[in-house]
Protein backbone atom coordinates (compact mmCIF):
# COMPACT_ATOMS: atom_id res chain seq x y z
CA UNK A 1 -0.06 -0.08 0.04
CA UNK A 2 1.30 3.43 -0.86
CA UNK A 3 2.36 5.63 2.08
CA UNK A 4 0.44 8.49 0.44
CA UNK A 5 -3.02 6.95 1.00
CA UNK A 6 -2.76 6.86 4.78
CA UNK A 7 -1.18 10.24 5.03
CA UNK A 8 -3.99 11.70 2.90
CA UNK A 9 -6.55 10.08 4.99
CA UNK A 10 -4.73 11.36 8.15
CA UNK A 11 -4.74 14.92 6.92
CA UNK A 12 -8.57 14.61 6.10
CA UNK A 13 -9.39 13.17 9.54
CA UNK A 14 -7.31 16.19 11.06
CA UNK A 15 -9.37 18.69 8.93
CA UNK A 16 -12.64 17.18 9.83
CA UNK A 17 -11.73 17.08 13.53
CA UNK A 18 -11.00 20.72 13.46
CA UNK A 19 -14.25 21.46 11.85
CA UNK A 20 -16.31 19.57 14.48
CA UNK A 21 -17.94 21.69 17.21
CA UNK A 22 -19.05 19.21 19.93
CA UNK A 23 -20.90 20.68 22.93
CA UNK A 24 -18.25 22.23 25.19
CA UNK A 25 -18.47 22.16 29.01
CA UNK A 26 -17.17 25.19 30.71
CA UNK A 27 -15.23 27.97 29.30
CA UNK A 28 -12.68 27.56 26.44
CA UNK A 29 -9.04 26.95 27.58
CA UNK A 30 -6.72 29.80 28.23
CA UNK A 31 -4.31 30.66 25.39
CA UNK A 32 -1.19 32.58 25.07
CA UNK A 33 -0.05 35.06 22.34
CA UNK A 34 2.83 33.95 20.28
CA UNK A 35 5.75 35.84 18.63
CA UNK A 36 5.53 33.92 15.32
CA UNK A 37 9.16 34.98 14.53
CA UNK A 38 10.32 33.15 17.63
CA UNK A 39 7.91 30.27 17.38
CA UNK A 40 9.17 29.22 13.96
CA UNK A 41 11.70 26.45 13.65
CA UNK A 42 11.38 22.75 14.68
CA UNK A 43 9.40 21.46 17.60
CA UNK A 44 9.48 17.78 18.76
CA UNK A 45 6.40 16.23 20.03
CA UNK A 46 6.89 14.84 23.63
CA UNK A 47 3.43 13.55 23.98
CA UNK A 48 -0.07 13.79 22.59
CA UNK A 49 -3.61 12.76 23.27
CA UNK A 50 -4.61 10.09 20.84
CA UNK A 51 -5.63 11.24 17.45
CA UNK A 52 -6.61 9.18 14.35
CA UNK A 53 -4.21 10.71 11.93
CA UNK A 54 -1.24 10.05 14.28
CA UNK A 55 -2.28 6.47 15.19
CA UNK A 56 0.84 4.90 13.78
CA UNK A 57 3.32 7.68 14.89
CA UNK A 58 6.02 6.81 17.46
CA UNK A 59 7.89 10.13 16.85
CA UNK A 60 6.53 13.36 15.50
CA UNK A 61 8.03 16.72 14.69
CA UNK A 62 6.74 19.94 13.26
CA UNK A 63 8.67 22.60 11.28
CA UNK A 64 7.25 26.01 11.12
CA UNK A 65 8.40 28.87 8.90
CA UNK A 66 7.00 32.39 8.92
CA UNK A 67 6.02 33.53 5.45
CA UNK A 68 6.26 37.12 4.08
CA UNK A 69 2.43 37.27 3.98
CA UNK A 70 2.27 36.68 7.85
CA UNK A 71 0.97 33.08 7.61
CA UNK A 72 3.09 30.15 8.83
CA UNK A 73 4.22 27.21 6.58
CA UNK A 74 3.74 23.98 8.43
CA UNK A 75 5.54 20.72 7.72
CA UNK A 76 4.69 17.80 10.03
CA UNK A 77 6.71 14.53 10.01
CA UNK A 78 5.74 11.34 11.62
CA UNK A 79 8.05 8.34 12.12
CA UNK A 80 6.13 5.04 12.27
CA UNK A 81 7.08 1.83 13.99
CA UNK A 82 8.92 0.61 10.85
CA UNK A 83 11.16 3.63 10.71
CA UNK A 84 9.23 5.07 7.69
CA UNK A 85 8.58 8.91 7.69
CA UNK A 86 5.24 10.34 6.59
CA UNK A 87 4.84 14.04 5.98
CA UNK A 88 2.03 16.58 5.71
CA UNK A 89 2.33 20.05 4.52
CA UNK A 90 0.07 23.05 5.28
CA UNK A 91 -0.41 26.65 6.14
CA UNK A 92 -1.47 28.28 9.32
CA UNK A 93 -2.96 31.65 9.77
CA UNK A 94 -4.61 33.72 12.55
CA UNK A 95 -8.24 33.00 13.38
CA UNK A 96 -8.49 36.59 14.26
CA UNK A 97 -6.25 39.18 12.51
CA UNK A 98 -3.54 40.52 14.86
CA UNK A 99 -3.91 37.61 17.30
CA UNK A 100 -1.45 34.75 17.21
CA UNK A 101 -2.83 32.48 20.01
CA UNK A 102 -5.51 30.87 17.90
CA UNK A 103 -4.64 29.68 14.39
CA UNK A 104 -6.40 27.92 11.57
CA UNK A 105 -4.24 25.18 9.98
CA UNK A 106 -5.08 23.75 6.51
CA UNK A 107 -3.12 20.89 5.16
CA UNK A 108 -2.54 20.47 1.40
CA UNK A 109 -4.31 17.50 0.21
CA UNK A 110 -6.97 16.49 -2.31
CA UNK A 111 -9.84 17.16 0.09
CA UNK A 112 -8.65 20.69 1.16
CA UNK A 113 -8.42 21.57 -2.58
CA UNK A 114 -11.90 20.28 -3.17
CA UNK A 115 -13.57 21.95 -0.13
CA UNK A 116 -11.22 24.53 1.26
CA UNK A 117 -13.73 26.10 3.73
CA UNK A 118 -14.26 22.73 5.37
CA UNK A 119 -10.82 21.61 6.03
CA UNK A 120 -9.39 24.08 8.63
CA UNK A 121 -8.27 22.66 11.95
CA UNK A 122 -8.02 24.72 15.15
CA UNK A 123 -4.52 25.10 16.66
CA UNK A 124 -4.52 26.88 19.92
CA UNK A 125 -1.33 27.83 21.61
CA UNK A 126 -2.03 27.17 25.29
CA UNK A 127 1.33 27.86 26.71
CA UNK A 128 4.92 28.56 25.76
CA UNK A 129 7.87 29.48 27.98
CA UNK A 130 9.53 32.82 27.82
CA UNK A 131 12.54 31.26 25.84
CA UNK A 132 10.14 29.33 23.38
CA UNK A 133 11.79 25.99 24.33
CA UNK A 134 8.59 24.27 25.23
CA UNK A 135 5.00 24.70 24.31
CA UNK A 136 1.51 23.20 24.79
CA UNK A 137 -0.88 23.29 21.85
CA UNK A 138 -4.51 21.94 21.83
CA UNK A 139 -7.84 22.15 20.39
CA UNK A 140 -10.57 24.26 22.20
CA UNK A 141 -12.81 21.18 22.78
CA UNK A 142 -9.88 19.71 24.77
CA UNK A 143 -10.01 16.53 22.88
CA UNK A 144 -6.50 17.05 21.35
CA UNK A 145 -3.30 18.10 23.10
CA UNK A 146 0.41 18.19 22.12
CA UNK A 147 3.33 18.75 24.45
CA UNK A 148 6.18 20.22 22.43
CA UNK A 149 9.78 20.94 22.91
CA UNK A 150 12.81 22.21 21.05
CA UNK A 151 14.78 19.25 22.06
CA UNK A 152 13.92 15.60 21.32
CA UNK A 153 13.84 14.86 25.03
CA UNK A 154 12.96 16.97 28.07
CA UNK A 155 13.70 16.43 31.80
CA UNK A 156 11.26 15.18 34.37
CA UNK A 157 10.83 18.71 35.88
CA UNK A 158 9.84 20.22 32.56
CA UNK A 159 7.54 17.43 31.76
CA UNK A 160 5.76 17.72 35.04
CA UNK A 161 5.44 21.47 34.63
CA UNK A 162 3.76 20.98 31.08
CA UNK A 163 1.52 18.38 32.54
CA UNK A 164 0.43 20.78 35.37
CA UNK A 165 -0.34 23.60 32.99
CA UNK A 166 -2.25 21.33 30.69
CA UNK A 167 -4.44 19.98 33.67
CA UNK A 168 -4.87 23.69 34.73
CA UNK A 169 -6.24 24.46 31.27
CA UNK A 170 -8.72 21.58 31.60
CA UNK A 171 -6.97 18.82 29.58
CA UNK A 172 -7.09 15.16 30.77
CA UNK A 173 -3.45 14.01 30.65
CA UNK A 174 -3.94 10.42 31.64
CA UNK A 175 -4.27 9.11 28.05
CA UNK A 176 -1.13 10.75 26.73
CA UNK A 177 0.94 8.85 24.25
CA UNK A 178 4.61 9.61 24.89
CA UNK A 179 7.44 9.89 22.20
CA UNK A 180 9.40 6.72 21.73
CA UNK A 181 13.07 7.30 21.81
CA UNK A 182 14.50 4.31 19.94
CA UNK A 183 12.98 3.81 16.58
CA UNK A 184 14.81 2.16 13.61
CA UNK A 185 16.15 4.57 11.00
CA UNK A 186 14.91 4.18 7.36
């Protein structure tokens, strides 16, 4: 089976997940403004809540690049159990002009070209430290969460701090899937 079919299906599922608006209990999670210039670069996923499009991922990373038009180029990579990498490319832009805490992300695939208005996923920056070394990103319905770092591995104290902040924002951290460190190279 081609690698592209699962990757395209994964991007479709992310887009559809971002479009859903389930009944939310309580207020939306607190977010934090982002200096997109400082946020760009590579982020390594430390942990995530289960998500269909990442079901086979054992290591994931995101590469962000600020474009001249103010939007952000997104390149996500996922390493699977067999060492194969899958990639998805997209564009992020502010949901509200001038605010950088809540972004729309649209991945480039056949479905997004067919129905561009239906394929935007919500990317809310819940937290980042002052040095832009760690970050929490989630979906406003609290179903999705990512713990990100500039380093492939973080220490226990940093991990506990991110978990504490995620719980304060209303996210259930019990089901997190953690990055695997030893995965065969392809």
